[in-house]
Amino acid sequence: IPSELGNLMQLTTLYLWNNTLSRSIPSELGRLTEITGLSLSYNQLSHTIPSEIGYLMHLQFLYLDNNALSGTIPSELGKLTQMTDLQINNNQLNGTIPSELGDLIQLSNLYLGDNTLS
């Protein structure tokens, strides 16, 4: 994913699902302050979920499922109070589920399965 996509300041949705994207999710996507939907599912993305995703205050859905993401779930995701749908299942995430996810009072769908969370 080119880091330059973080320059698209008026972007409201970004769908890149079901490709063969690999490497990491660029932290520059945290500059997409108008975005309401981000779908990167069904790729080959690895490394960690960037904490900068927590800057996307208008984000309503985040789909990162079915990749090879590792590390812990960033507590910053708990700042996304407009979020209704969070799917980060079927990755290689570990650690505990951040208590901050309890602040997502608009959340109606939360998929965390098929990881190694404790």
C-alpha atoms as a PDB file:
ATOM      1  CA  ILE A   1       0.000   0.000   0.000  1.00  0.00           C
ATOM      2  CA  PRO A   2       1.645   3.256  -1.040  1.00  0.00           C
ATOM      3  CA  SER A   3       2.182   5.618   1.880  1.00  0.00           C
ATOM      4  CA  GLU A   4       1.190   8.467  -0.462  1.00  0.00           C
ATOM      5  CA  LEU A   5      -2.452   7.410  -0.086  1.00  0.00           C
ATOM      6  CA  GLY A   6      -2.209   9.238   3.241  1.00  0.00           C
ATOM      7  CA  ASN A   7      -2.187  12.492   1.227  1.00  0.00           C
ATOM      8  CA  LEU A   8      -5.784  11.983   0.029  1.00  0.00           C
ATOM      9  CA  MET A   9      -7.188  14.224   2.746  1.00  0.00           C
ATOM     10  CA  GLN A  10     -10.786  14.260   1.379  1.00  0.00           C
ATOM     11  CA  LEU A  11     -11.048  10.483   0.997  1.00  0.00           C
ATOM     12  CA  THR A  12     -14.088   9.047   2.774  1.00  0.00           C
ATOM     13  CA  THR A  13     -13.784   5.335   1.933  1.00  0.00           C
ATOM     14  CA  LEU A  14     -10.905   3.124   0.896  1.00  0.00           C
ATOM     15  CA  TYR A  15     -11.592  -0.419  -0.283  1.00  0.00           C
ATOM     16  CA  LEU A  16      -8.517  -2.485  -1.114  1.00  0.00           C
ATOM     17  CA  TRP A  17      -9.858  -5.873  -0.059  1.00  0.00           C
ATOM     18  CA  ASN A  18      -9.194  -9.168  -1.814  1.00  0.00           C
ATOM     19  CA  ASN A  19      -5.902  -8.347  -3.496  1.00  0.00           C
ATOM     20  CA  THR A  20      -2.366  -9.581  -2.928  1.00  0.00           C
ATOM     21  CA  LEU A  21      -1.175  -6.559  -0.949  1.00  0.00           C
ATOM     22  CA  SER A  22       1.705  -7.412   1.339  1.00  0.00           C
ATOM     23  CA  ARG A  23       4.052  -5.739   3.808  1.00  0.00           C
ATOM     24  CA  SER A  24       2.738  -3.384   6.464  1.00  0.00           C
ATOM     25  CA  ILE A  25      -0.165  -0.962   6.701  1.00  0.00           C
ATOM     26  CA  PRO A  26       1.422   2.477   6.287  1.00  0.00           C
ATOM     27  CA  SER A  27       1.100   4.716   9.343  1.00  0.00           C
ATOM     28  CA  GLU A  28       0.394   7.590   6.927  1.00  0.00           C
ATOM     29  CA  LEU A  29      -3.158   6.286   6.559  1.00  0.00           C
ATOM     30  CA  GLY A  30      -3.671   7.903   9.960  1.00  0.00           C
ATOM     31  CA  ARG A  31      -3.788  11.252   8.122  1.00  0.00           C
ATOM     32  CA  LEU A  32      -7.061  10.347   6.361  1.00  0.00           C
ATOM     33  CA  THR A  33      -9.086  12.359   8.852  1.00  0.00           C
ATOM     34  CA  GLU A  34     -12.314  12.368   6.760  1.00  0.00           C
ATOM     35  CA  ILE A  35     -12.403   8.627   6.169  1.00  0.00           C
ATOM     36  CA  THR A  36     -15.447   6.725   7.404  1.00  0.00           C
ATOM     37  CA  GLY A  37     -14.642   3.272   6.004  1.00  0.00           C
ATOM     38  CA  LEU A  38     -11.403   1.344   5.552  1.00  0.00           C
ATOM     39  CA  SER A  39     -11.340  -2.180   4.148  1.00  0.00           C
ATOM     40  CA  LEU A  40      -8.035  -3.992   3.722  1.00  0.00           C
ATOM     41  CA  SER A  41      -9.380  -7.520   4.237  1.00  0.00           C
ATOM     42  CA  TYR A  42      -8.247 -10.626   2.372  1.00  0.00           C
ATOM     43  CA  ASN A  43      -4.726  -9.560   1.551  1.00  0.00           C
ATOM     44  CA  GLN A  44      -1.306 -10.625   2.785  1.00  0.00           C
ATOM     45  CA  LEU A  45      -0.631  -7.668   5.070  1.00  0.00           C
ATOM     46  CA  SER A  46       1.812  -8.329   7.887  1.00  0.00           C
ATOM     47  CA  HIS A  47       3.473  -6.533  10.791  1.00  0.00           C
ATOM     48  CA  THR A  48       1.382  -4.627  13.314  1.00  0.00           C
ATOM     49  CA  ILE A  49      -1.772  -2.520  13.143  1.00  0.00           C
ATOM     50  CA  PRO A  50      -0.459   1.068  13.236  1.00  0.00           C
ATOM     51  CA  SER A  51      -1.579   3.022  16.292  1.00  0.00           C
ATOM     52  CA  GLU A  52      -2.141   6.009  13.975  1.00  0.00           C
ATOM     53  CA  ILE A  53      -5.412   4.368  12.900  1.00  0.00           C
ATOM     54  CA  GLY A  54      -6.659   5.800  16.196  1.00  0.00           C
ATOM     55  CA  TYR A  55      -6.549   9.300  14.636  1.00  0.00           C
ATOM     56  CA  LEU A  56      -9.381   8.460  12.223  1.00  0.00           C
ATOM     57  CA  MET A  57     -12.131   9.950  14.379  1.00  0.00           C
ATOM     58  CA  HIS A  58     -14.880   9.569  11.735  1.00  0.00           C
ATOM     59  CA  LEU A  59     -14.141   5.910  11.046  1.00  0.00           C
ATOM     60  CA  GLN A  60     -17.294   3.794  11.189  1.00  0.00           C
ATOM     61  CA  PHE A  61     -15.950   0.502   9.901  1.00  0.00           C
ATOM     62  CA  LEU A  62     -12.507  -1.038   9.883  1.00  0.00           C
ATOM     63  CA  TYR A  63     -11.962  -4.354   8.132  1.00  0.00           C
ATOM     64  CA  LEU A  64      -8.477  -5.819   8.534  1.00  0.00           C
ATOM     65  CA  ASP A  65      -9.535  -9.461   8.690  1.00  0.00           C
ATOM     66  CA  ASN A  66      -7.928 -12.351   6.829  1.00  0.00           C
ATOM     67  CA  ASN A  67      -4.377 -11.051   6.670  1.00  0.00           C
ATOM     68  CA  ALA A  68      -1.178 -11.949   8.531  1.00  0.00           C
ATOM     69  CA  LEU A  69      -1.160  -9.032  10.985  1.00  0.00           C
ATOM     70  CA  SER A  70       0.740  -9.675  14.204  1.00  0.00           C
ATOM     71  CA  GLY A  71       1.434  -7.979  17.509  1.00  0.00           C
ATOM     72  CA  THR A  72      -1.186  -6.578  19.826  1.00  0.00           C
ATOM     73  CA  ILE A  73      -4.410  -4.712  19.156  1.00  0.00           C
ATOM     74  CA  PRO A  74      -3.586  -1.007  19.593  1.00  0.00           C
ATOM     75  CA  SER A  75      -5.433   0.574  22.515  1.00  0.00           C
ATOM     76  CA  GLU A  76      -5.816   3.686  20.333  1.00  0.00           C
ATOM     77  CA  LEU A  77      -8.642   1.923  18.486  1.00  0.00           C
ATOM     78  CA  GLY A  78     -10.721   2.724  21.563  1.00  0.00           C
ATOM     79  CA  LYS A  79     -10.710   6.403  20.505  1.00  0.00           C
ATOM     80  CA  LEU A  80     -12.801   5.614  17.412  1.00  0.00           C
ATOM     81  CA  THR A  81     -16.133   6.323  19.057  1.00  0.00           C
ATOM     82  CA  GLN A  82     -18.048   6.427  15.733  1.00  0.00           C
ATOM     83  CA  MET A  83     -17.046   2.827  14.974  1.00  0.00           C
ATOM     84  CA  THR A  84     -19.934   0.434  14.372  1.00  0.00           C
ATOM     85  CA  ASP A  85     -18.070  -2.496  12.791  1.00  0.00           C
ATOM     86  CA  LEU A  86     -14.584  -3.758  13.680  1.00  0.00           C
ATOM     87  CA  GLN A  87     -13.287  -6.920  11.996  1.00  0.00           C
ATOM     88  CA  ILE A  88      -9.740  -7.961  12.767  1.00  0.00           C
ATOM     89  CA  ASN A  89     -10.325 -11.695  12.896  1.00  0.00           C
ATOM     90  CA  ASN A  90      -8.195 -14.347  11.210  1.00  0.00           C
ATOM     91  CA  ASN A  91      -4.785 -12.760  11.716  1.00  0.00           C
ATOM     92  CA  GLN A  92      -1.868 -13.562  14.012  1.00  0.00           C
ATOM     93  CA  LEU A  93      -2.682 -10.992  16.710  1.00  0.00           C
ATOM     94  CA  ASN A  94      -1.701 -11.788  20.283  1.00  0.00           C
ATOM     95  CA  GLY A  95      -1.839 -10.320  23.765  1.00  0.00           C
ATOM     96  CA  THR A  96      -4.949  -9.178  25.554  1.00  0.00           C
ATOM     97  CA  ILE A  97      -8.013  -7.415  24.223  1.00  0.00           C
ATOM     98  CA  PRO A  98      -7.566  -3.734  25.134  1.00  0.00           C
ATOM     99  CA  SER A  99     -10.092  -2.522  27.703  1.00  0.00           C
ATOM    100  CA  GLU A 100     -10.349   0.694  25.649  1.00  0.00           C
ATOM    101  CA  LEU A 101     -12.461  -1.192  23.107  1.00  0.00           C
ATOM    102  CA  GLY A 102     -15.186  -0.908  25.731  1.00  0.00           C
ATOM    103  CA  ASP A 103     -15.386   2.806  24.868  1.00  0.00           C
ATOM    104  CA  LEU A 104     -16.745   1.989  21.402  1.00  0.00           C
ATOM    105  CA  ILE A 105     -20.362   2.494  22.446  1.00  0.00           C
ATOM    106  CA  GLN A 106     -21.643   2.597  18.831  1.00  0.00           C
ATOM    107  CA  LEU A 107     -20.096  -0.796  18.032  1.00  0.00           C
ATOM    108  CA  SER A 108     -22.559  -3.389  16.772  1.00  0.00           C
ATOM    109  CA  ASN A 109     -20.116  -5.946  15.264  1.00  0.00           C
ATOM    110  CA  LEU A 110     -16.803  -6.996  16.772  1.00  0.00           C
ATOM    111  CA  TYR A 111     -14.894  -9.881  15.202  1.00  0.00           C
ATOM    112  CA  LEU A 112     -11.666 -10.911  16.946  1.00  0.00           C
ATOM    113  CA  GLY A 113     -11.683 -14.683  16.362  1.00  0.00           C
ATOM    114  CA  ASP A 114      -8.949 -16.818  14.819  1.00  0.00           C
ATOM    115  CA  ASN A 115      -6.076 -14.966  16.473  1.00  0.00           C
ATOM    116  CA  THR A 116      -4.014 -15.941  19.511  1.00  0.00           C
ATOM    117  CA  LEU A 117      -5.506 -13.440  21.951  1.00  0.00           C
ATOM    118  CA  SER A 118      -5.462 -14.200  25.652  1.00  0.00           C
END
